[in-house]
Each structure stands twice: as C-alpha cells, then as structure tokens.
Amino acid sequence: MDDRATSVLVRFTPASATTEQYDETIRRLEKSGDWLPEGLELHVAFEAGGKFRVSEIWDSQAQFDAFGKHLMPILEDVGIDPGAPEMLEIHNIIRR
C-alpha cells in the first residue's frame, strides 16, 4: 500500500495474548496520553476461535504507522507479540 489518505482495515491475530495483557496495554496507553490516537476511527477487541484478536479502522496508513511507534514498546513490555498485521484498503464504509 502506498501513503495515500485511504482508510485501512488493520487486523491483528497475536500468537498468544490474554485479555489481561490487552487491558494492561490500554491502561498504559491511556496513562501516557497516547489513547485514543489521531486517525483511529474504530477499535474492536474480541476472542474468536480461541485466539484474541483486534481489528481497527484507520484514516490512513501513515497515522497507523505513527501510532505503532508508541504502541510497540508497550506491547513488548506486556509480553504481546502482535505479529504482522493484515492490512486491507477500505473501499467503502456505511454507518447507521
């Protein structure tokens, strides 16, 4: 994907992550003032098929990348290896 201002869907399926690790990550981001980041439209955390997953919609790839600089050290510290996210360009969003 290039650096256009196109919304992107980002999906994470870490090899192993717990709800406790996730909650601690959010607490640390809130405490540091890095939550909610600019450009994050939607964040959904859930369990499916025995795995913890996170899906997000970002206004742009650049905003997602900028937030990653704040997020990655926290994930490492709480013991989450997010793996490589699946990045999908969004064609359309319909809201109710």
Protein backbone atom coordinates (compact mmCIF):
# COMPACT_ATOMS: atom_id res chain seq x y z
CA MET A 1 0.00 0.00 0.00
CA ASP A 2 1.18 3.48 -0.69
CA ASP A 3 0.85 6.52 1.57
CA ARG A 4 -2.45 7.82 0.15
CA ALA A 5 -5.09 9.13 2.53
CA THR A 6 -7.19 6.00 2.13
CA SER A 7 -8.84 4.33 5.11
CA VAL A 8 -7.34 0.99 6.05
CA LEU A 9 -8.58 -2.00 8.00
CA VAL A 10 -5.90 -3.49 10.23
CA ARG A 11 -6.37 -6.95 11.73
CA PHE A 12 -4.12 -8.45 14.39
CA THR A 13 -4.12 -12.07 15.50
CA PRO A 14 -1.26 -12.39 18.01
CA ALA A 15 0.19 -15.87 18.52
CA SER A 16 -0.74 -15.52 22.18
CA ALA A 17 -2.40 -12.70 24.05
CA THR A 18 -4.72 -12.58 27.03
CA THR A 19 -7.47 -10.16 27.95
CA GLU A 20 -5.33 -9.16 30.93
CA GLN A 21 -2.40 -8.24 28.67
CA TYR A 22 -4.74 -6.33 26.37
CA ASP A 23 -6.34 -4.43 29.28
CA GLU A 24 -2.90 -3.53 30.65
CA THR A 25 -1.86 -2.25 27.21
CA ILE A 26 -4.91 0.03 27.05
CA ARG A 27 -4.27 1.27 30.62
CA ARG A 28 -0.70 2.19 29.74
CA LEU A 29 -1.71 3.93 26.53
CA GLU A 30 -4.36 5.94 28.40
CA LYS A 31 -1.89 6.86 31.15
CA SER A 32 0.69 8.04 28.60
CA GLY A 33 -1.89 10.14 26.76
CA ASP A 34 -1.48 8.09 23.57
CA TRP A 35 -5.05 6.75 23.61
CA LEU A 36 -7.19 7.48 21.55
CA PRO A 37 -4.69 8.15 18.77
CA GLU A 38 -5.31 10.56 15.95
CA GLY A 39 -6.68 8.78 12.90
CA LEU A 40 -8.19 5.78 14.71
CA GLU A 41 -11.79 5.51 13.57
CA LEU A 42 -12.76 2.19 15.18
CA HIS A 43 -11.11 -0.32 17.51
CA VAL A 44 -12.62 -3.73 18.27
CA ALA A 45 -11.03 -6.36 20.53
CA PHE A 46 -12.53 -9.84 20.74
CA GLU A 47 -11.87 -13.56 21.06
CA ALA A 48 -12.63 -15.93 18.19
CA GLY A 49 -11.56 -19.50 17.64
CA GLY A 50 -9.67 -19.48 20.94
CA LYS A 51 -7.50 -16.51 19.91
CA PHE A 52 -7.54 -12.88 20.97
CA ARG A 53 -7.93 -10.53 18.01
CA VAL A 54 -8.01 -6.81 17.35
CA SER A 55 -9.43 -5.08 14.30
CA GLU A 56 -9.11 -1.37 13.64
CA ILE A 57 -10.09 1.15 11.01
CA TRP A 58 -7.59 3.96 10.46
CA ASP A 59 -7.96 7.12 8.42
CA SER A 60 -4.59 6.42 6.80
CA GLN A 61 -1.63 4.06 6.75
CA ALA A 62 0.62 6.94 7.87
CA GLN A 63 -1.41 7.52 11.05
CA PHE A 64 -1.36 3.80 11.85
CA ASP A 65 2.42 3.72 11.37
CA ALA A 66 2.92 6.79 13.59
CA PHE A 67 0.89 5.23 16.42
CA GLY A 68 2.87 1.99 16.12
CA LYS A 69 5.95 3.85 17.41
CA HIS A 70 4.10 4.41 20.71
CA LEU A 71 2.35 1.04 20.83
CA MET A 72 5.15 -1.42 20.06
CA PRO A 73 7.28 -0.77 23.18
CA ILE A 74 4.20 -1.25 25.38
CA LEU A 75 3.23 -4.49 23.65
CA GLU A 76 6.76 -5.78 24.09
CA ASP A 77 6.74 -4.84 27.77
CA VAL A 78 3.43 -6.64 28.48
CA GLY A 79 4.54 -9.70 26.50
CA ILE A 80 2.41 -9.44 23.37
CA ASP A 81 3.96 -10.20 20.01
CA PRO A 82 1.35 -8.84 17.62
CA GLY A 83 2.90 -10.47 14.58
CA ALA A 84 2.43 -8.88 11.19
CA PRO A 85 -0.95 -7.21 10.88
CA GLU A 86 -3.18 -7.88 7.93
CA MET A 87 -3.66 -4.55 6.10
CA LEU A 88 -6.63 -4.06 3.81
CA GLU A 89 -7.58 -0.94 1.89
CA ILE A 90 -11.19 0.01 2.58
CA HIS A 91 -13.42 0.57 -0.42
CA ASN A 92 -16.50 1.81 1.47
CA ILE A 93 -17.81 2.37 4.99
CA ILE A 94 -21.54 2.54 5.67
CA ARG A 95 -22.68 3.78 9.07
CA ARG A 96 -26.12 3.60 10.61
